[in-house]
PDB file of all heavy atoms in Angstrom:
ATOM      1  N   ALA A   1     -13.063   4.407  33.875  1.00  0.00           N
ATOM      2  CA  ALA A   1     -11.988   4.527  32.902  1.00  0.00           C
ATOM      3  C   ALA A   1     -11.659   5.983  32.650  1.00  0.00           C
ATOM      4  O   ALA A   1     -12.539   6.804  32.472  1.00  0.00           O
ATOM      5  CB  ALA A   1     -12.403   3.870  31.581  1.00  0.00           C
ATOM      6  N   PRO A   2     -10.345   6.328  32.646  1.00  0.00           N
ATOM      7  CA  PRO A   2      -9.987   7.706  32.312  1.00  0.00           C
ATOM      8  C   PRO A   2     -10.365   8.033  30.882  1.00  0.00           C
ATOM      9  O   PRO A   2     -10.272   7.191  30.003  1.00  0.00           O
ATOM     10  CB  PRO A   2      -8.459   7.718  32.504  1.00  0.00           C
ATOM     11  CG  PRO A   2      -8.044   6.299  32.393  1.00  0.00           C
ATOM     12  CD  PRO A   2      -9.200   5.491  32.912  1.00  0.00           C
ATOM     13  N   GLU A   3     -10.821   9.231  30.636  1.00  0.00           N
ATOM     14  CA  GLU A   3     -11.359   9.618  29.334  1.00  0.00           C
ATOM     15  C   GLU A   3     -10.440   9.306  28.164  1.00  0.00           C
ATOM     16  O   GLU A   3     -10.892   8.801  27.144  1.00  0.00           O
ATOM     17  CB  GLU A   3     -11.696  11.107  29.353  1.00  0.00           C
ATOM     18  CG  GLU A   3     -12.260  11.613  28.034  1.00  0.00           C
ATOM     19  CD  GLU A   3     -12.494  13.104  28.085  1.00  0.00           C
ATOM     20  OE1 GLU A   3     -12.359  13.677  29.172  1.00  0.00           O
ATOM     21  OE2 GLU A   3     -12.808  13.686  27.038  1.00  0.00           O
ATOM     22  N   PRO A   4      -9.094   9.565  28.260  1.00  0.00           N
ATOM     23  CA  PRO A   4      -8.260   9.359  27.087  1.00  0.00           C
ATOM     24  C   PRO A   4      -8.181   7.914  26.634  1.00  0.00           C
ATOM     25  O   PRO A   4      -7.860   7.652  25.490  1.00  0.00           O
ATOM     26  CB  PRO A   4      -6.876   9.843  27.565  1.00  0.00           C
ATOM     27  CG  PRO A   4      -7.162  10.761  28.684  1.00  0.00           C
ATOM     28  CD  PRO A   4      -8.391  10.202  29.343  1.00  0.00           C
ATOM     29  N   SER A   5      -8.452   6.948  27.522  1.00  0.00           N
ATOM     30  CA  SER A   5      -8.257   5.558  27.143  1.00  0.00           C
ATOM     31  C   SER A   5      -9.164   5.152  25.997  1.00  0.00           C
ATOM     32  O   SER A   5      -8.889   4.202  25.275  1.00  0.00           O
ATOM     33  CB  SER A   5      -8.511   4.645  28.353  1.00  0.00           C
ATOM     34  OG  SER A   5      -9.862   4.737  28.757  1.00  0.00           O
ATOM     35  N   ALA A   6     -10.265   5.839  25.823  1.00  0.00           N
ATOM     36  CA  ALA A   6     -11.175   5.485  24.745  1.00  0.00           C
ATOM     37  C   ALA A   6     -10.688   6.002  23.398  1.00  0.00           C
ATOM     38  O   ALA A   6     -11.066   5.484  22.355  1.00  0.00           O
ATOM     39  CB  ALA A   6     -12.566   6.072  25.031  1.00  0.00           C
ATOM     40  N   ALA A   7      -9.818   7.011  23.437  1.00  0.00           N
ATOM     41  CA  ALA A   7      -9.415   7.646  22.189  1.00  0.00           C
ATOM     42  C   ALA A   7      -7.975   7.372  21.815  1.00  0.00           C
ATOM     43  O   ALA A   7      -7.588   7.533  20.671  1.00  0.00           O
ATOM     44  CB  ALA A   7      -9.617   9.164  22.299  1.00  0.00           C
ATOM     45  N   ILE A   8      -7.153   6.951  22.784  1.00  0.00           N
ATOM     46  CA  ILE A   8      -5.732   6.764  22.532  1.00  0.00           C
ATOM     47  C   ILE A   8      -5.366   5.313  22.767  1.00  0.00           C
ATOM     48  O   ILE A   8      -5.580   4.780  23.842  1.00  0.00           O
ATOM     49  CB  ILE A   8      -4.883   7.659  23.455  1.00  0.00           C
ATOM     50  CG1 ILE A   8      -5.221   9.124  23.198  1.00  0.00           C
ATOM     51  CG2 ILE A   8      -3.406   7.411  23.238  1.00  0.00           C
ATOM     52  CD1 ILE A   8      -4.465  10.071  24.083  1.00  0.00           C
ATOM     53  N   SER A   9      -4.823   4.674  21.766  1.00  0.00           N
ATOM     54  CA  SER A   9      -4.375   3.296  21.931  1.00  0.00           C
ATOM     55  C   SER A   9      -3.131   3.273  22.791  1.00  0.00           C
ATOM     56  O   SER A   9      -2.186   4.011  22.558  1.00  0.00           O
ATOM     57  CB  SER A   9      -4.058   2.672  20.565  1.00  0.00           C
ATOM     58  OG  SER A   9      -3.454   1.413  20.736  1.00  0.00           O
ATOM     59  N   THR A  10      -3.115   2.411  23.823  1.00  0.00           N
ATOM     60  CA  THR A  10      -1.949   2.305  24.687  1.00  0.00           C
ATOM     61  C   THR A  10      -1.142   1.061  24.381  1.00  0.00           C
ATOM     62  O   THR A  10      -0.178   0.763  25.061  1.00  0.00           O
ATOM     63  CB  THR A  10      -2.384   2.268  26.165  1.00  0.00           C
ATOM     64  OG1 THR A  10      -3.329   1.224  26.347  1.00  0.00           O
ATOM     65  CG2 THR A  10      -2.995   3.591  26.571  1.00  0.00           C
ATOM     66  N   ALA A  11      -1.514   0.304  23.373  1.00  0.00           N
ATOM     67  CA  ALA A  11      -0.779  -0.915  23.043  1.00  0.00           C
ATOM     68  C   ALA A  11       0.404  -0.590  22.143  1.00  0.00           C
ATOM     69  O   ALA A  11       0.295   0.182  21.212  1.00  0.00           O
ATOM     70  CB  ALA A  11      -1.700  -1.905  22.325  1.00  0.00           C
ATOM     71  N   PRO A  12       1.578  -1.194  22.427  1.00  0.00           N
ATOM     72  CA  PRO A  12       2.713  -0.971  21.545  1.00  0.00           C
ATOM     73  C   PRO A  12       2.455  -1.583  20.191  1.00  0.00           C
ATOM     74  O   PRO A  12       1.811  -2.619  20.061  1.00  0.00           O
ATOM     75  CB  PRO A  12       3.867  -1.689  22.272  1.00  0.00           C
ATOM     76  CG  PRO A  12       3.203  -2.702  23.139  1.00  0.00           C
ATOM     77  CD  PRO A  12       1.884  -2.087  23.536  1.00  0.00           C
ATOM     78  N   THR A  13       2.978  -0.954  19.153  1.00  0.00           N
ATOM     79  CA  THR A  13       2.713  -1.428  17.805  1.00  0.00           C
ATOM     80  C   THR A  13       3.602  -2.590  17.416  1.00  0.00           C
ATOM     81  O   THR A  13       3.241  -3.405  16.586  1.00  0.00           O
ATOM     82  CB  THR A  13       2.919  -0.283  16.810  1.00  0.00           C
ATOM     83  OG1 THR A  13       4.244   0.251  16.981  1.00  0.00           O
ATOM     84  CG2 THR A  13       1.918   0.833  17.066  1.00  0.00           C
ATOM     85  N   GLU A  14       4.789  -2.660  17.995  1.00  0.00           N
ATOM     86  CA  GLU A  14       5.706  -3.718  17.612  1.00  0.00           C
ATOM     87  C   GLU A  14       6.699  -3.944  18.727  1.00  0.00           C
ATOM     88  O   GLU A  14       7.165  -3.004  19.371  1.00  0.00           O
ATOM     89  CB  GLU A  14       6.453  -3.322  16.325  1.00  0.00           C
ATOM     90  CG  GLU A  14       7.402  -4.401  15.822  1.00  0.00           C
ATOM     91  CD  GLU A  14       8.085  -3.993  14.535  1.00  0.00           C
ATOM     92  OE1 GLU A  14       7.745  -2.909  14.015  1.00  0.00           O
ATOM     93  OE2 GLU A  14       8.956  -4.716  14.068  1.00  0.00           O
ATOM     94  N   HIS A  15       7.054  -5.206  18.986  1.00  0.00           N
ATOM     95  CA  HIS A  15       8.055  -5.531  19.978  1.00  0.00           C
ATOM     96  C   HIS A  15       9.229  -6.203  19.289  1.00  0.00           C
ATOM     97  O   HIS A  15       9.032  -7.086  18.454  1.00  0.00           O
ATOM     98  CB  HIS A  15       7.494  -6.495  21.027  1.00  0.00           C
ATOM     99  CG  HIS A  15       6.377  -5.903  21.817  1.00  0.00           C
ATOM    100  ND1 HIS A  15       6.564  -4.873  22.708  1.00  0.00           N
ATOM    101  CD2 HIS A  15       5.055  -6.178  21.842  1.00  0.00           C
ATOM    102  CE1 HIS A  15       5.417  -4.553  23.256  1.00  0.00           C
ATOM    103  NE2 HIS A  15       4.489  -5.320  22.743  1.00  0.00           N
ATOM    104  N   PRO A  16      10.458  -5.831  19.626  1.00  0.00           N
ATOM    105  CA  PRO A  16      11.597  -6.499  19.014  1.00  0.00           C
ATOM    106  C   PRO A  16      11.705  -7.937  19.474  1.00  0.00           C
ATOM    107  O   PRO A  16      11.298  -8.289  20.572  1.00  0.00           O
ATOM    108  CB  PRO A  16      12.789  -5.670  19.517  1.00  0.00           C
ATOM    109  CG  PRO A  16      12.306  -5.065  20.800  1.00  0.00           C
ATOM    110  CD  PRO A  16      10.834  -4.812  20.588  1.00  0.00           C
ATOM    111  N   ALA A  17      12.266  -8.763  18.629  1.00  0.00           N
ATOM    112  CA  ALA A  17      12.497 -10.159  18.995  1.00  0.00           C
ATOM    113  C   ALA A  17      13.569 -10.209  20.070  1.00  0.00           C
ATOM    114  O   ALA A  17      14.421  -9.337  20.182  1.00  0.00           O
ATOM    115  CB  ALA A  17      12.935 -10.951  17.776  1.00  0.00           C
ATOM    116  N   THR A  18      13.550 -11.228  20.891  1.00  0.00           N
ATOM    117  CA  THR A  18      14.562 -11.402  21.921  1.00  0.00           C
ATOM    118  C   THR A  18      15.036 -12.836  21.909  1.00  0.00           C
ATOM    119  O   THR A  18      14.267 -13.760  21.661  1.00  0.00           O
ATOM    120  CB  THR A  18      13.991 -11.041  23.309  1.00  0.00           C
ATOM    121  OG1 THR A  18      14.990 -11.290  24.302  1.00  0.00           O
ATOM    122  CG2 THR A  18      12.758 -11.844  23.639  1.00  0.00           C
ATOM    123  N   ALA A  19      16.317 -13.031  22.169  1.00  0.00           N
ATOM    124  CA  ALA A  19      16.883 -14.371  22.142  1.00  0.00           C
ATOM    125  C   ALA A  19      16.357 -15.211  23.285  1.00  0.00           C
ATOM    126  O   ALA A  19      16.275 -16.433  23.202  1.00  0.00           O
ATOM    127  CB  ALA A  19      18.410 -14.288  22.200  1.00  0.00           C
ATOM    128  N   ASP A  20      16.011 -14.548  24.394  1.00  0.00           N
ATOM    129  CA  ASP A  20      15.501 -15.256  25.566  1.00  0.00           C
ATOM    130  C   ASP A  20      14.166 -14.623  25.924  1.00  0.00           C
ATOM    131  O   ASP A  20      14.075 -13.760  26.782  1.00  0.00           O
ATOM    132  CB  ASP A  20      16.488 -15.140  26.727  1.00  0.00           C
ATOM    133  CG  ASP A  20      16.014 -15.899  27.958  1.00  0.00           C
ATOM    134  OD1 ASP A  20      15.099 -16.733  27.837  1.00  0.00           O
ATOM    135  OD2 ASP A  20      16.558 -15.648  29.032  1.00  0.00           O
ATOM    136  N   ALA A  21      13.106 -15.054  25.223  1.00  0.00           N
ATOM    137  CA  ALA A  21      11.813 -14.378  25.347  1.00  0.00           C
ATOM    138  C   ALA A  21      11.230 -14.505  26.740  1.00  0.00           C
ATOM    139  O   ALA A  21      10.553 -13.622  27.220  1.00  0.00           O
ATOM    140  CB  ALA A  21      10.832 -14.923  24.313  1.00  0.00           C
ATOM    141  N   VAL A  22      11.439 -15.645  27.406  1.00  0.00           N
ATOM    142  CA  VAL A  22      10.933 -15.808  28.763  1.00  0.00           C
ATOM    143  C   VAL A  22      11.953 -15.178  29.703  1.00  0.00           C
ATOM    144  O   VAL A  22      13.053 -15.659  29.863  1.00  0.00           O
ATOM    145  CB  VAL A  22      10.707 -17.286  29.101  1.00  0.00           C
ATOM    146  CG1 VAL A  22      10.201 -17.433  30.522  1.00  0.00           C
ATOM    147  CG2 VAL A  22       9.718 -17.906  28.130  1.00  0.00           C
ATOM    148  N   LEU A  23      11.573 -14.073  30.337  1.00  0.00           N
ATOM    149  CA  LEU A  23      12.528 -13.243  31.057  1.00  0.00           C
ATOM    150  C   LEU A  23      12.932 -13.861  32.386  1.00  0.00           C
ATOM    151  O   LEU A  23      12.103 -14.414  33.103  1.00  0.00           O
ATOM    152  CB  LEU A  23      11.902 -11.877  31.326  1.00  0.00           C
ATOM    153  CG  LEU A  23      11.377 -11.115  30.117  1.00  0.00           C
ATOM    154  CD1 LEU A  23      10.736  -9.816  30.581  1.00  0.00           C
ATOM    155  CD2 LEU A  23      12.480 -10.844  29.133  1.00  0.00           C
ATOM    156  N   PRO A  24      14.206 -13.733  32.743  1.00  0.00           N
ATOM    157  CA  PRO A  24      14.605 -14.091  34.109  1.00  0.00           C
ATOM    158  C   PRO A  24      13.841 -13.230  35.099  1.00  0.00           C
ATOM    159  O   PRO A  24      13.673 -12.036  34.892  1.00  0.00           O
ATOM    160  CB  PRO A  24      16.104 -13.744  34.134  1.00  0.00           C
ATOM    161  CG  PRO A  24      16.527 -13.715  32.707  1.00  0.00           C
ATOM    162  CD  PRO A  24      15.326 -13.241  31.930  1.00  0.00           C
ATOM    163  N   GLY A  25      13.355 -13.835  36.187  1.00  0.00           N
ATOM    164  CA  GLY A  25      12.624 -13.072  37.183  1.00  0.00           C
ATOM    165  C   GLY A  25      11.142 -12.945  36.895  1.00  0.00           C
ATOM    166  O   GLY A  25      10.428 -12.313  37.631  1.00  0.00           O
ATOM    167  N   VAL A  26      10.671 -13.530  35.801  1.00  0.00           N
ATOM    168  CA  VAL A  26       9.249 -13.508  35.452  1.00  0.00           C
ATOM    169  C   VAL A  26       8.772 -14.952  35.361  1.00  0.00           C
ATOM    170  O   VAL A  26       9.296 -15.745  34.586  1.00  0.00           O
ATOM    171  CB  VAL A  26       9.007 -12.783  34.121  1.00  0.00           C
ATOM    172  CG1 VAL A  26       7.530 -12.837  33.752  1.00  0.00           C
ATOM    173  CG2 VAL A  26       9.480 -11.335  34.205  1.00  0.00           C
ATOM    174  N   ILE A  27       7.771 -15.281  36.162  1.00  0.00           N
ATOM    175  CA  ILE A  27       7.267 -16.647  36.237  1.00  0.00           C
ATOM    176  C   ILE A  27       5.939 -16.759  35.502  1.00  0.00           C
ATOM    177  O   ILE A  27       5.061 -15.914  35.660  1.00  0.00           O
ATOM    178  CB  ILE A  27       7.084 -17.081  37.710  1.00  0.00           C
ATOM    179  CG1 ILE A  27       8.448 -17.186  38.398  1.00  0.00           C
ATOM    180  CG2 ILE A  27       6.330 -18.402  37.811  1.00  0.00           C
ATOM    181  CD1 ILE A  27       8.351 -17.546  39.862  1.00  0.00           C
ATOM    182  N   GLY A  28       5.797 -17.794  34.695  1.00  0.00           N
ATOM    183  CA  GLY A  28       4.506 -18.133  34.110  1.00  0.00           C
ATOM    184  C   GLY A  28       4.149 -17.416  32.833  1.00  0.00           C
ATOM    185  O   GLY A  28       3.032 -17.579  32.333  1.00  0.00           O
ATOM    186  N   ALA A  29       5.052 -16.634  32.268  1.00  0.00           N
ATOM    187  CA  ALA A  29       4.734 -15.858  31.064  1.00  0.00           C
ATOM    188  C   ALA A  29       5.029 -16.659  29.805  1.00  0.00           C
ATOM    189  O   ALA A  29       6.032 -17.361  29.720  1.00  0.00           O
ATOM    190  CB  ALA A  29       5.540 -14.560  31.038  1.00  0.00           C
ATOM    191  N   SER A  30       4.153 -16.537  28.821  1.00  0.00           N
ATOM    192  CA  SER A  30       4.435 -17.072  27.494  1.00  0.00           C
ATOM    193  C   SER A  30       5.447 -16.165  26.807  1.00  0.00           C
ATOM    194  O   SER A  30       5.765 -15.074  27.300  1.00  0.00           O
ATOM    195  CB  SER A  30       3.153 -17.135  26.664  1.00  0.00           C
ATOM    196  OG  SER A  30       2.697 -15.814  26.388  1.00  0.00           O
ATOM    197  N   ASP A  31       5.946 -16.591  25.656  1.00  0.00           N
ATOM    198  CA  ASP A  31       6.895 -15.758  24.926  1.00  0.00           C
ATOM    199  C   ASP A  31       6.286 -14.389  24.595  1.00  0.00           C
ATOM    200  O   ASP A  31       6.929 -13.349  24.764  1.00  0.00           O
ATOM    201  CB  ASP A  31       7.329 -16.449  23.627  1.00  0.00           C
ATOM    202  CG  ASP A  31       8.271 -17.620  23.879  1.00  0.00           C
ATOM    203  OD1 ASP A  31       8.587 -17.888  25.060  1.00  0.00           O
ATOM    204  OD2 ASP A  31       8.693 -18.264  22.903  1.00  0.00           O
ATOM    205  N   ASP A  32       5.037 -14.379  24.117  1.00  0.00           N
ATOM    206  CA  ASP A  32       4.396 -13.118  23.754  1.00  0.00           C
ATOM    207  C   ASP A  32       4.189 -12.237  24.983  1.00  0.00           C
ATOM    208  O   ASP A  32       4.380 -11.015  24.930  1.00  0.00           O
ATOM    209  CB  ASP A  32       3.052 -13.374  23.068  1.00  0.00           C
ATOM    210  CG  ASP A  32       3.209 -13.942  21.669  1.00  0.00           C
ATOM    211  OD1 ASP A  32       4.325 -13.848  21.105  1.00  0.00           O
ATOM    212  OD2 ASP A  32       2.223 -14.487  21.133  1.00  0.00           O
ATOM    213  N   GLN A  33       3.789 -12.847  26.088  1.00  0.00           N
ATOM    214  CA  GLN A  33       3.593 -12.067  27.316  1.00  0.00           C
ATOM    215  C   GLN A  33       4.913 -11.507  27.825  1.00  0.00           C
ATOM    216  O   GLN A  33       4.981 -10.367  28.300  1.00  0.00           O
ATOM    217  CB  GLN A  33       2.940 -12.943  28.387  1.00  0.00           C
ATOM    218  CG  GLN A  33       1.495 -13.300  28.084  1.00  0.00           C
ATOM    219  CD  GLN A  33       0.946 -14.341  29.039  1.00  0.00           C
ATOM    220  OE1 GLN A  33       1.694 -15.175  29.575  1.00  0.00           O
ATOM    221  NE2 GLN A  33      -0.356 -14.304  29.278  1.00  0.00           N
ATOM    222  N   ALA A  34       5.982 -12.288  27.707  1.00  0.00           N
ATOM    223  CA  ALA A  34       7.294 -11.833  28.157  1.00  0.00           C
ATOM    224  C   ALA A  34       7.761 -10.627  27.352  1.00  0.00           C
ATOM    225  O   ALA A  34       8.401  -9.717  27.887  1.00  0.00           O
ATOM    226  CB  ALA A  34       8.305 -12.967  28.057  1.00  0.00           C
ATOM    227  N   LEU A  35       7.440 -10.602  26.069  1.00  0.00           N
ATOM    228  CA  LEU A  35       7.814  -9.461  25.242  1.00  0.00           C
ATOM    229  C   LEU A  35       7.112  -8.183  25.692  1.00  0.00           C
ATOM    230  O   LEU A  35       7.705  -7.099  25.709  1.00  0.00           O
ATOM    231  CB  LEU A  35       7.487  -9.746  23.778  1.00  0.00           C
ATOM    232  CG  LEU A  35       8.411 -10.734  23.054  1.00  0.00           C
ATOM    233  CD1 LEU A  35       7.859 -11.068  21.677  1.00  0.00           C
ATOM    234  CD2 LEU A  35       9.822 -10.186  22.940  1.00  0.00           C
ATOM    235  N   ILE A  36       5.833  -8.303  26.062  1.00  0.00           N
ATOM    236  CA  ILE A  36       5.085  -7.138  26.552  1.00  0.00           C
ATOM    237  C   ILE A  36       5.691  -6.637  27.864  1.00  0.00           C
ATOM    238  O   ILE A  36       5.893  -5.432  28.061  1.00  0.00           O
ATOM    239  CB  ILE A  36       3.600  -7.491  26.733  1.00  0.00           C
ATOM    240  CG1 ILE A  36       2.953  -7.756  25.369  1.00  0.00           C
ATOM    241  CG2 ILE A  36       2.852  -6.373  27.470  1.00  0.00           C
ATOM    242  CD1 ILE A  36       1.538  -8.303  25.452  1.00  0.00           C
ATOM    243  N   ILE A  37       5.995  -7.562  28.761  1.00  0.00           N
ATOM    244  CA  ILE A  37       6.592  -7.185  30.043  1.00  0.00           C
ATOM    245  C   ILE A  37       7.962  -6.549  29.824  1.00  0.00           C
ATOM    246  O   ILE A  37       8.301  -5.529  30.438  1.00  0.00           O
ATOM    247  CB  ILE A  37       6.689  -8.413  30.974  1.00  0.00           C
ATOM    248  CG1 ILE A  37       5.283  -8.915  31.341  1.00  0.00           C
ATOM    249  CG2 ILE A  37       7.481  -8.080  32.231  1.00  0.00           C
ATOM    250  CD1 ILE A  37       5.262 -10.278  32.013  1.00  0.00           C
ATOM    251  N   GLU A  38       8.759  -7.133  28.941  1.00  0.00           N
ATOM    252  CA  GLU A  38      10.088  -6.583  28.651  1.00  0.00           C
ATOM    253  C   GLU A  38       9.975  -5.167  28.084  1.00  0.00           C
ATOM    254  O   GLU A  38      10.736  -4.267  28.464  1.00  0.00           O
ATOM    255  CB  GLU A  38      10.827  -7.484  27.667  1.00  0.00           C
ATOM    256  CG  GLU A  38      12.231  -6.990  27.340  1.00  0.00           C
ATOM    257  CD  GLU A  38      12.957  -7.897  26.380  1.00  0.00           C
ATOM    258  OE1 GLU A  38      12.291  -8.599  25.588  1.00  0.00           O
ATOM    259  OE2 GLU A  38      14.201  -7.906  26.412  1.00  0.00           O
ATOM    260  N   TRP A  39       9.016  -4.963  27.193  1.00  0.00           N
ATOM    261  CA  TRP A  39       8.836  -3.627  26.621  1.00  0.00           C
ATOM    262  C   TRP A  39       8.475  -2.617  27.713  1.00  0.00           C
ATOM    263  O   TRP A  39       9.009  -1.500  27.747  1.00  0.00           O
ATOM    264  CB  TRP A  39       7.753  -3.636  25.544  1.00  0.00           C
ATOM    265  CG  TRP A  39       7.575  -2.278  24.937  1.00  0.00           C
ATOM    266  CD1 TRP A  39       8.255  -1.744  23.894  1.00  0.00           C
ATOM    267  CD2 TRP A  39       6.676  -1.258  25.400  1.00  0.00           C
ATOM    268  NE1 TRP A  39       7.833  -0.447  23.663  1.00  0.00           N
ATOM    269  CE2 TRP A  39       6.874  -0.125  24.566  1.00  0.00           C
ATOM    270  CE3 TRP A  39       5.727  -1.188  26.411  1.00  0.00           C
ATOM    271  CZ2 TRP A  39       6.150   1.055  24.727  1.00  0.00           C
ATOM    272  CZ3 TRP A  39       5.017  -0.002  26.586  1.00  0.00           C
ATOM    273  CH2 TRP A  39       5.223   1.098  25.748  1.00  0.00           C
ATOM    274  N   ALA A  40       7.566  -3.014  28.607  1.00  0.00           N
ATOM    275  CA  ALA A  40       7.126  -2.102  29.671  1.00  0.00           C
ATOM    276  C   ALA A  40       8.279  -1.751  30.608  1.00  0.00           C
ATOM    277  O   ALA A  40       8.446  -0.585  30.996  1.00  0.00           O
ATOM    278  CB  ALA A  40       5.966  -2.723  30.446  1.00  0.00           C
ATOM    279  N   LEU A  41       9.085  -2.732  30.973  1.00  0.00           N
ATOM    280  CA  LEU A  41      10.246  -2.465  31.820  1.00  0.00           C
ATOM    281  C   LEU A  41      11.211  -1.514  31.117  1.00  0.00           C
ATOM    282  O   LEU A  41      11.743  -0.579  31.721  1.00  0.00           O
ATOM    283  CB  LEU A  41      10.951  -3.783  32.166  1.00  0.00           C
ATOM    284  CG  LEU A  41      10.206  -4.733  33.101  1.00  0.00           C
ATOM    285  CD1 LEU A  41      10.877  -6.101  33.096  1.00  0.00           C
ATOM    286  CD2 LEU A  41      10.147  -4.176  34.518  1.00  0.00           C
ATOM    287  N   GLY A  42      11.426  -1.760  29.835  1.00  0.00           N
ATOM    288  CA  GLY A  42      12.301  -0.885  29.066  1.00  0.00           C
ATOM    289  C   GLY A  42      11.751   0.513  28.936  1.00  0.00           C
ATOM    290  O   GLY A  42      12.508   1.498  28.924  1.00  0.00           O
ATOM    291  N   ARG A  43      10.433   0.627  28.856  1.00  0.00           N
ATOM    292  CA  ARG A  43       9.798   1.944  28.740  1.00  0.00           C
ATOM    293  C   ARG A  43      10.093   2.787  29.977  1.00  0.00           C
ATOM    294  O   ARG A  43      10.391   3.983  29.883  1.00  0.00           O
ATOM    295  CB  ARG A  43       8.291   1.779  28.551  1.00  0.00           C
ATOM    296  CG  ARG A  43       7.543   3.082  28.306  1.00  0.00           C
ATOM    297  CD  ARG A  43       7.979   3.755  27.023  1.00  0.00           C
ATOM    298  NE  ARG A  43       6.959   4.696  26.529  1.00  0.00           N
ATOM    299  CZ  ARG A  43       7.175   5.530  25.527  1.00  0.00           C
ATOM    300  NH1 ARG A  43       8.356   5.554  24.914  1.00  0.00           N
ATOM    301  NH2 ARG A  43       6.205   6.338  25.121  1.00  0.00           N
ATOM    302  N   TYR A  44       9.991   2.169  31.158  1.00  0.00           N
ATOM    303  CA  TYR A  44      10.310   2.896  32.382  1.00  0.00           C
ATOM    304  C   TYR A  44      11.771   3.331  32.384  1.00  0.00           C
ATOM    305  O   TYR A  44      12.096   4.463  32.762  1.00  0.00           O
ATOM    306  CB  TYR A  44      10.000   2.036  33.611  1.00  0.00           C
ATOM    307  CG  TYR A  44       8.575   2.153  34.065  1.00  0.00           C
ATOM    308  CD1 TYR A  44       7.559   1.434  33.441  1.00  0.00           C
ATOM    309  CD2 TYR A  44       8.216   2.996  35.114  1.00  0.00           C
ATOM    310  CE1 TYR A  44       6.232   1.560  33.834  1.00  0.00           C
ATOM    311  CE2 TYR A  44       6.897   3.119  35.526  1.00  0.00           C
ATOM    312  CZ  TYR A  44       5.913   2.398  34.882  1.00  0.00           C
ATOM    313  OH  TYR A  44       4.602   2.531  35.281  1.00  0.00           O
TER     314      TYR A  44
END
């Protein structure tokens, strides 16, 4: 594990609600998982 991972939280604090939580192009994700994936795509 890289050293900073122990000291810096990498989890987002809040995800906005989405009208279509299960994303097009993403298979098998729950609503909560889809929000995490959507946030990560948006971050890039």
